[in-house]
Protein backbone atom coordinates (compact mmCIF):
# COMPACT_ATOMS: atom_id res chain seq x y z
CA UNK A 1 0.00 0.00 0.00
CA UNK A 2 2.79 2.40 0.97
CA UNK A 3 4.79 1.54 -2.15
CA UNK A 4 1.73 2.26 -4.31
CA UNK A 5 1.33 5.71 -2.75
CA UNK A 6 5.03 6.39 -3.21
CA UNK A 7 4.79 5.37 -6.86
CA UNK A 8 1.80 7.65 -7.38
CA UNK A 9 3.59 10.63 -5.80
CA UNK A 10 6.73 10.04 -7.87
CA UNK A 11 4.66 9.68 -11.04
CA UNK A 12 2.75 12.91 -10.35
CA UNK A 13 6.01 14.76 -9.61
CA UNK A 14 7.62 13.47 -12.80
CA UNK A 15 4.61 14.39 -14.93
CA UNK A 16 4.42 17.89 -13.46
CA UNK A 17 8.13 18.43 -14.14
CA UNK A 18 7.55 17.37 -17.76
CA UNK A 19 4.42 19.54 -18.10
CA UNK A 20 6.00 22.68 -16.62
CA UNK A 21 9.20 22.18 -18.63
CA UNK A 22 7.15 21.78 -21.82
CA UNK A 23 5.12 24.93 -21.06
CA UNK A 24 8.24 27.00 -20.41
CA UNK A 25 10.00 25.72 -23.53
CA UNK A 26 6.98 25.90 -25.85
CA UNK A 27 7.19 29.62 -26.76
CA UNK A 28 10.84 29.17 -27.73
CA UNK A 29 10.53 26.09 -29.90
CA UNK A 30 6.99 26.26 -31.30
CA UNK A 31 5.89 28.60 -34.11
CA UNK A 32 3.05 31.01 -33.34
CA UNK A 33 0.42 28.77 -34.93
CA UNK A 34 1.44 25.70 -32.88
CA UNK A 35 1.73 27.74 -29.71
CA UNK A 36 -1.80 29.00 -30.23
CA UNK A 37 -3.02 25.43 -30.66
CA UNK A 38 -1.28 24.37 -27.45
CA UNK A 39 -2.92 27.29 -25.61
CA UNK A 40 -6.34 26.18 -26.83
CA UNK A 41 -5.74 22.60 -25.74
CA UNK A 42 -4.53 23.72 -22.32
CA UNK A 43 -7.76 25.68 -21.96
CA UNK A 44 -9.70 22.50 -22.80
CA UNK A 45 -7.83 20.76 -19.99
CA UNK A 46 -9.68 22.96 -17.50
CA UNK A 47 -13.11 21.72 -18.57
CA UNK A 48 -11.70 18.17 -18.56
CA UNK A 49 -10.75 18.57 -14.88
CA UNK A 50 -14.35 19.60 -14.17
CA UNK A 51 -15.65 16.52 -16.00
CA UNK A 52 -13.29 14.36 -13.94
CA UNK A 53 -14.59 15.93 -10.72
CA UNK A 54 -18.21 15.06 -11.44
CA UNK A 55 -17.63 11.76 -13.26
CA UNK A 56 -14.47 10.34 -11.72
CA UNK A 57 -15.28 11.25 -8.13
CA UNK A 58 -19.07 11.67 -7.94
CA UNK A 59 -20.08 9.19 -10.66
CA UNK A 60 -22.09 11.79 -12.62
CA UNK A 61 -21.60 11.28 -16.35
CA UNK A 62 -22.62 14.62 -17.84
CA UNK A 63 -22.95 14.90 -21.62
CA UNK A 64 -23.89 18.57 -21.50
CA UNK A 65 -20.77 20.42 -20.33
CA UNK A 66 -20.78 22.26 -23.65
CA UNK A 67 -23.57 24.44 -22.22
CA UNK A 68 -21.35 25.96 -19.55
CA UNK A 69 -18.31 26.02 -21.82
CA UNK A 70 -20.21 28.13 -24.36
CA UNK A 71 -21.68 30.45 -21.70
CA UNK A 72 -18.19 31.36 -20.51
CA UNK A 73 -17.14 31.98 -24.09
CA UNK A 74 -20.11 34.25 -24.77
CA UNK A 75 -19.40 36.29 -21.64
CA UNK A 76 -15.83 36.96 -22.77
CA UNK A 77 -16.85 37.67 -26.37
CA UNK A 78 -19.60 40.11 -25.38
CA UNK A 79 -17.15 42.20 -23.35
CA UNK A 80 -14.60 42.26 -26.18
CA UNK A 81 -17.28 43.21 -28.71
CA UNK A 82 -18.46 46.11 -26.55
CA UNK A 83 -14.92 47.21 -25.71
CA UNK A 84 -14.07 47.40 -29.40
CA UNK A 85 -17.26 49.16 -30.48
CA UNK A 86 -17.11 52.03 -27.97
CA UNK A 87 -16.19 54.48 -30.75
CA UNK A 88 -18.86 53.27 -33.19
CA UNK A 89 -22.24 55.01 -33.69
CA UNK A 90 -24.62 54.08 -30.86
CA UNK A 91 -21.65 52.22 -29.30
CA UNK A 92 -23.03 48.82 -30.27
CA UNK A 93 -21.31 45.96 -32.17
CA UNK A 94 -21.57 46.12 -35.95
CA UNK A 95 -23.53 42.89 -36.41
CA UNK A 96 -26.61 44.47 -34.78
CA UNK A 97 -26.92 46.73 -37.81
CA UNK A 98 -27.42 43.71 -40.05
CA UNK A 99 -30.68 42.94 -38.27
CA UNK A 100 -31.93 46.49 -37.75
CA UNK A 101 -31.17 46.59 -34.02
CA UNK A 102 -30.39 50.16 -32.96
CA UNK A 103 -30.32 49.83 -29.19
CA UNK A 104 -28.11 47.51 -27.16
CA UNK A 105 -30.12 44.66 -25.56
CA UNK A 106 -30.39 45.08 -21.79
CA UNK A 107 -28.42 41.96 -20.87
CA UNK A 108 -25.39 43.26 -22.81
CA UNK A 109 -25.10 46.38 -20.62
CA UNK A 110 -23.30 44.79 -17.61
CA UNK A 111 -20.60 43.40 -19.91
CA UNK A 112 -19.24 46.89 -20.45
CA UNK A 113 -17.51 46.35 -17.10
CA UNK A 114 -14.33 44.23 -17.15
CA UNK A 115 -14.78 43.32 -13.47
CA UNK A 116 -18.34 42.10 -14.05
CA UNK A 117 -17.14 40.09 -17.05
CA UNK A 118 -14.35 38.39 -15.09
CA UNK A 119 -16.89 37.32 -12.48
CA UNK A 120 -19.60 36.38 -14.97
CA UNK A 121 -17.26 34.10 -16.94
CA UNK A 122 -17.34 31.54 -14.12
CA UNK A 123 -20.33 32.62 -12.05
CA UNK A 124 -22.99 32.52 -14.79
CA UNK A 125 -22.12 28.94 -15.87
CA UNK A 126 -21.82 27.88 -12.23
CA UNK A 127 -25.28 29.27 -11.39
CA UNK A 128 -26.87 27.64 -14.43
CA UNK A 129 -25.18 24.33 -13.59
CA UNK A 130 -26.18 24.61 -9.93
CA UNK A 131 -29.83 25.31 -10.78
CA UNK A 132 -30.00 22.51 -13.33
CA UNK A 133 -28.23 20.14 -10.98
CA UNK A 134 -30.49 20.93 -8.04
CA UNK A 135 -33.63 20.33 -10.08
CA UNK A 136 -32.25 17.00 -11.25
CA UNK A 137 -30.64 15.72 -8.06
CA UNK A 138 -33.54 16.59 -5.75
CA UNK A 139 -35.61 14.13 -7.80
CA UNK A 140 -32.86 11.51 -7.41
CA UNK A 141 -32.23 11.22 -11.12
CA UNK A 142 -28.91 9.49 -11.73
CA UNK A 143 -27.08 7.04 -13.96
CA UNK A 144 -28.00 6.85 -17.62
CA UNK A 145 -31.10 9.00 -17.04
CA UNK A 146 -28.91 11.84 -15.80
CA UNK A 147 -26.68 11.53 -18.89
CA UNK A 148 -29.68 11.60 -21.23
CA UNK A 149 -31.16 14.60 -19.42
CA UNK A 150 -27.93 16.63 -19.66
CA UNK A 151 -27.70 15.84 -23.36
CA UNK A 152 -31.31 16.93 -23.85
CA UNK A 153 -30.55 20.19 -22.03
CA UNK A 154 -27.57 20.66 -24.34
CA UNK A 155 -29.81 20.36 -27.40
CA UNK A 156 -32.28 22.88 -25.94
CA UNK A 157 -29.53 25.44 -25.35
CA UNK A 158 -28.01 24.79 -28.78
CA UNK A 159 -31.28 25.40 -30.60
CA UNK A 160 -32.06 28.48 -28.51
CA UNK A 161 -28.67 30.15 -29.09
CA UNK A 162 -28.67 29.12 -32.73
CA UNK A 163 -31.85 31.07 -33.39
CA UNK A 164 -31.00 34.32 -31.58
CA UNK A 165 -29.71 36.28 -34.57
CA UNK A 166 -30.79 39.71 -33.29
CA UNK A 167 -29.40 39.19 -29.77
CA UNK A 168 -26.12 37.27 -30.10
CA UNK A 169 -25.67 36.86 -33.87
CA UNK A 170 -27.16 33.36 -33.75
CA UNK A 171 -25.41 30.68 -35.75
CA UNK A 172 -22.69 33.10 -36.90
CA UNK A 173 -21.40 33.57 -33.38
CA UNK A 174 -19.31 36.41 -31.95
CA UNK A 175 -15.78 37.00 -33.24
CA UNK A 176 -12.99 38.01 -30.88
CA UNK A 177 -9.82 37.94 -32.97
CA UNK A 178 -10.56 41.35 -34.55
CA UNK A 179 -11.51 43.00 -31.26
CA UNK A 180 -9.13 45.00 -29.07
CA UNK A 181 -7.82 44.48 -25.55
CA UNK A 182 -5.46 46.93 -23.79
CA UNK A 183 -4.97 48.68 -27.11
CA UNK A 184 -3.84 45.52 -28.90
CA UNK A 185 -5.66 43.31 -31.40
CA UNK A 186 -6.77 40.15 -29.59
CA UNK A 187 -5.71 37.99 -32.54
CA UNK A 188 -2.19 39.47 -32.59
CA UNK A 189 0.83 37.32 -31.74
CA UNK A 190 1.63 39.38 -28.64
CA UNK A 191 -1.84 39.06 -27.07
CA UNK A 192 -2.06 35.38 -27.95
CA UNK A 193 1.23 34.80 -26.14
CA UNK A 194 -0.23 36.53 -23.08
CA UNK A 195 -3.24 34.26 -23.20
CA UNK A 196 -0.99 31.21 -23.52
CA UNK A 197 0.81 32.05 -20.27
CA UNK A 198 -2.47 32.92 -18.54
CA UNK A 199 -3.99 29.60 -19.63
CA UNK A 200 -0.95 27.64 -18.46
CA UNK A 201 -1.11 29.27 -15.01
CA UNK A 202 -4.85 28.66 -14.72
CA UNK A 203 -4.45 24.98 -15.64
CA UNK A 204 -1.98 24.52 -12.79
CA UNK A 205 -4.21 26.48 -10.40
CA UNK A 206 -7.22 24.40 -11.47
CA UNK A 207 -5.39 21.16 -10.66
CA UNK A 208 -4.42 22.39 -7.18
CA UNK A 209 -7.97 23.63 -6.59
CA UNK A 210 -9.47 20.30 -7.64
CA UNK A 211 -6.97 18.38 -5.47
CA UNK A 212 -7.91 20.58 -2.51
CA UNK A 213 -11.59 19.79 -3.08
CA UNK A 214 -11.23 16.01 -3.21
CA UNK A 215 -8.54 15.46 -0.58
CA UNK A 216 -10.62 15.82 2.59
CA UNK A 217 -14.13 14.96 3.74
CA UNK A 218 -15.85 16.53 0.75
CA UNK A 219 -13.93 14.29 -1.63
CA UNK A 220 -14.61 11.22 0.50
CA UNK A 221 -18.34 11.96 0.44
CA UNK A 222 -18.24 12.34 -3.35
CA UNK A 223 -16.54 8.94 -3.68
CA UNK A 224 -19.10 7.49 -1.30
CA UNK A 225 -21.91 8.90 -3.45
CA UNK A 226 -20.31 7.35 -6.52
CA UNK A 227 -19.90 3.92 -4.91
CA UNK A 228 -22.95 3.65 -2.65
CA UNK A 229 -25.27 6.66 -2.49
CA UNK A 230 -27.94 5.02 -0.25
CA UNK A 231 -25.32 4.35 2.42
CA UNK A 232 -24.17 7.98 2.32
CA UNK A 233 -27.76 9.10 2.73
CA UNK A 234 -28.20 6.65 5.62
CA UNK A 235 -25.16 8.09 7.46
CA UNK A 236 -26.79 11.53 7.54
CA UNK A 237 -25.27 13.29 4.54
CA UNK A 238 -27.43 14.95 1.90
CA UNK A 239 -26.19 13.71 -1.52
CA UNK A 240 -28.28 16.34 -3.32
CA UNK A 241 -26.29 19.16 -1.73
CA UNK A 242 -22.90 17.62 -2.47
CA UNK A 243 -23.77 16.73 -6.06
CA UNK A 244 -25.21 20.19 -6.71
CA UNK A 245 -22.07 21.88 -5.36
CA UNK A 246 -19.63 19.77 -7.38
CA UNK A 247 -21.76 20.12 -10.51
CA UNK A 248 -21.76 23.91 -10.07
CA UNK A 249 -17.97 23.87 -9.59
CA UNK A 250 -17.57 21.84 -12.79
CA UNK A 251 -19.82 24.33 -14.58
CA UNK A 252 -17.69 27.25 -13.38
CA UNK A 253 -14.51 25.52 -14.58
CA UNK A 254 -16.16 24.89 -17.94
CA UNK A 255 -16.99 28.61 -18.20
CA UNK A 256 -13.37 29.62 -17.55
CA UNK A 257 -12.25 27.04 -20.10
CA UNK A 258 -14.72 28.35 -22.67
CA UNK A 259 -13.61 31.96 -22.20
CA UNK A 260 -9.93 31.07 -22.66
CA UNK A 261 -10.69 28.90 -25.67
CA UNK A 262 -12.79 31.66 -27.26
CA UNK A 263 -10.13 34.35 -27.08
CA UNK A 264 -7.54 31.93 -28.52
CA UNK A 265 -9.71 30.43 -31.25
CA UNK A 266 -11.12 33.82 -32.30
CA UNK A 267 -14.84 33.05 -32.14
CA UNK A 268 -17.61 31.64 -29.98
CA UNK A 269 -20.72 30.12 -31.54
CA UNK A 270 -23.48 27.60 -30.76
CA UNK A 271 -21.16 24.94 -32.23
CA UNK A 272 -19.60 24.76 -28.76
CA UNK A 273 -22.93 23.25 -27.67
CA UNK A 274 -23.00 20.40 -30.16
CA UNK A 275 -23.35 16.87 -28.78
CA UNK A 276 -20.10 15.45 -30.26
CA UNK A 277 -18.01 18.15 -28.56
CA UNK A 278 -19.41 17.34 -25.11
CA UNK A 279 -18.88 13.62 -25.72
CA UNK A 280 -15.26 14.34 -26.67
CA UNK A 281 -14.75 15.89 -23.23
CA UNK A 282 -15.72 12.58 -21.66
CA UNK A 283 -13.35 10.71 -23.98
CA UNK A 284 -10.42 12.91 -22.92
CA UNK A 285 -11.03 12.02 -19.28
CA UNK A 286 -11.64 8.33 -19.98
CA UNK A 287 -8.41 7.96 -21.97
CA UNK A 288 -6.29 10.04 -19.61
CA UNK A 289 -7.55 8.39 -16.46
CA UNK A 290 -10.86 8.84 -14.71
CA UNK A 291 -10.53 9.94 -11.09
CA UNK A 292 -6.89 11.06 -11.45
CA UNK A 293 -7.33 14.77 -12.34
CA UNK A 294 -3.87 14.90 -13.88
CA UNK A 295 -4.97 12.27 -16.38
CA UNK A 296 -7.78 14.58 -17.49
CA UNK A 297 -5.25 17.33 -18.27
CA UNK A 298 -2.96 14.98 -20.17
CA UNK A 299 -5.89 13.40 -22.02
CA UNK A 300 -7.26 16.77 -23.18
CA UNK A 301 -3.91 18.11 -24.39
CA UNK A 302 -2.46 14.94 -25.93
CA UNK A 303 -5.63 13.78 -27.68
CA UNK A 304 -6.40 17.19 -29.15
CA UNK A 305 -2.82 17.70 -30.32
CA UNK A 306 -2.88 14.23 -31.86
CA UNK A 307 -6.18 15.12 -33.51
CA UNK A 308 -4.60 18.21 -35.04
CA UNK A 309 -1.55 16.36 -36.37
CA UNK A 310 -3.51 13.38 -37.71
CA UNK A 311 -6.16 15.61 -39.32
CA UNK A 312 -3.47 17.55 -41.16
CA UNK A 313 -1.96 14.34 -42.59
CA UNK A 314 -5.09 12.19 -42.98
CA UNK A 315 -8.18 14.41 -42.66
CA UNK A 316 -10.75 11.60 -42.73
CA UNK A 317 -9.09 9.19 -40.33
CA UNK A 318 -9.32 10.87 -36.93
CA UNK A 319 -12.87 9.75 -36.14
CA UNK A 320 -11.80 6.12 -36.58
CA UNK A 321 -8.77 6.61 -34.34
CA UNK A 322 -10.85 8.35 -31.68
CA UNK A 323 -13.42 5.55 -31.76
CA UNK A 324 -10.64 2.99 -31.46
CA UNK A 325 -9.19 4.81 -28.44
CA UNK A 326 -12.55 4.79 -26.69
CA UNK A 327 -13.06 1.08 -27.41
CA UNK A 328 -9.56 0.35 -26.08
CA UNK A 329 -10.26 2.20 -22.85
CA UNK A 330 -13.65 0.59 -22.31
CA UNK A 331 -12.44 -2.96 -22.99
CA UNK A 332 -8.81 -3.06 -21.84
CA UNK A 333 -8.02 0.08 -19.83
CA UNK A 334 -11.12 1.08 -17.86
CA UNK A 335 -8.96 3.09 -15.46
CA UNK A 336 -7.36 5.08 -18.31
CA UNK A 337 -3.69 5.38 -19.20
CA UNK A 338 -2.58 7.22 -16.05
CA UNK A 339 -4.71 4.99 -13.83
CA UNK A 340 -3.20 1.93 -15.52
CA UNK A 341 0.32 3.17 -14.78
CA UNK A 342 -0.55 3.99 -11.16
CA UNK A 343 -2.00 0.51 -10.62
CA UNK A 344 1.34 -1.03 -11.74
CA UNK A 345 -0.06 -1.91 -15.15
CA UNK A 346 3.34 -1.99 -16.89
CA UNK A 347 4.73 -4.34 -14.22
CA UNK A 348 1.69 -6.63 -14.50
CA UNK A 349 2.08 -6.65 -18.29
CA UNK A 350 5.70 -7.82 -17.98
CA UNK A 351 4.60 -10.55 -15.58
CA UNK A 352 2.02 -11.81 -18.09
CA UNK A 353 4.64 -12.19 -20.82
CA UNK A 354 6.91 -14.26 -18.58
CA UNK A 355 9.19 -11.76 -16.82
CA UNK A 356 8.91 -12.57 -13.09
CA UNK A 357 8.23 -9.88 -10.53
CA UNK A 358 11.20 -9.05 -8.30
CA UNK A 359 10.33 -9.61 -4.65
CA UNK A 360 12.18 -7.70 -1.97
CA UNK A 361 10.51 -9.03 1.19
CA UNK A 362 10.57 -12.39 2.97
CA UNK A 363 11.69 -14.64 0.06
CA UNK A 364 14.91 -12.68 -0.37
CA UNK A 365 15.54 -12.80 3.36
CA UNK A 366 15.06 -16.56 3.34
CA UNK A 367 17.61 -16.93 0.53
CA UNK A 368 20.17 -14.88 2.42
CA UNK A 369 19.56 -16.91 5.56
CA UNK A 370 20.05 -20.24 3.77
CA UNK A 371 23.32 -18.97 2.27
CA UNK A 372 24.60 -18.11 5.76
CA UNK A 373 23.66 -21.57 7.07
CA UNK A 374 25.50 -23.31 4.19
CA UNK A 375 28.64 -21.33 4.97
């Protein structure tokens, strides 16, 4: 047991050294385009950590995290649009003129404030997630029914946002790369480098925050809910409260992730709320290692970077590779790659092919004792 914990600590330390070294070296060795891609994928790692919190620790498989991801993106884009249109007639974004809108809609007004925007990016998705979660969990909906319900909610939000042409430019979305921030074009190399460093710092902070959440009693209750919810309820805890809180936290993380992804991809649109995108989030966590947190980060970054490289070489093949990865995880690696390593998977694999396990306890002592007796 102690050796397993030591192995896990050493593995986490090694991976963090590799991750931090890669982040520091990336701006030097990667061209601007690749650096921008890495920044996007690091931002996706934040929503993956949220998925791991609710799925890996609480057993809640949500297929609707795209809702909260998109809400964070829209909050950031609305501020940038208003900030860049302050000198225009009526001080409203240009796209409103395409639909004959001459007055700024009321819900856009607060986003003129940068402080309000910074709070709204995580608070709005967290509140929506908390409300949705409370309505679901108080009725004790769980398992596959919870997954179906979150996917249905995703479709409702997608169709609603897709049709709001006069309010948020509907299916066209809101562009951010041509807007300005601190006197610089958001899509410029300088600003994108700033966002890369900001994203890298927030990924590290997110991991520490998630570890802090799951280390003590709160995390133990979440695991208890995942493994045996009736017993947790019998011991006096209210699972509805705990599940609502962690679902709201995951929603807030998704909002931060969506905002960072929006400013680095240059646009936010209802496409962030499509079903395949939310399912991909689950795949990142499943492949990286459910319930490991660090595996979620690695899964999001590595899989998306692999997707980019494979799609450039063989555009039509990535969907087959992604499907194969998911089948591999479900059938052979249910704990994910990082979970497999932590559970001494490589050592067990060597044992299966005929390489014996080296024992350092009583058998070795017995051999040494017999040698002394023979002498």
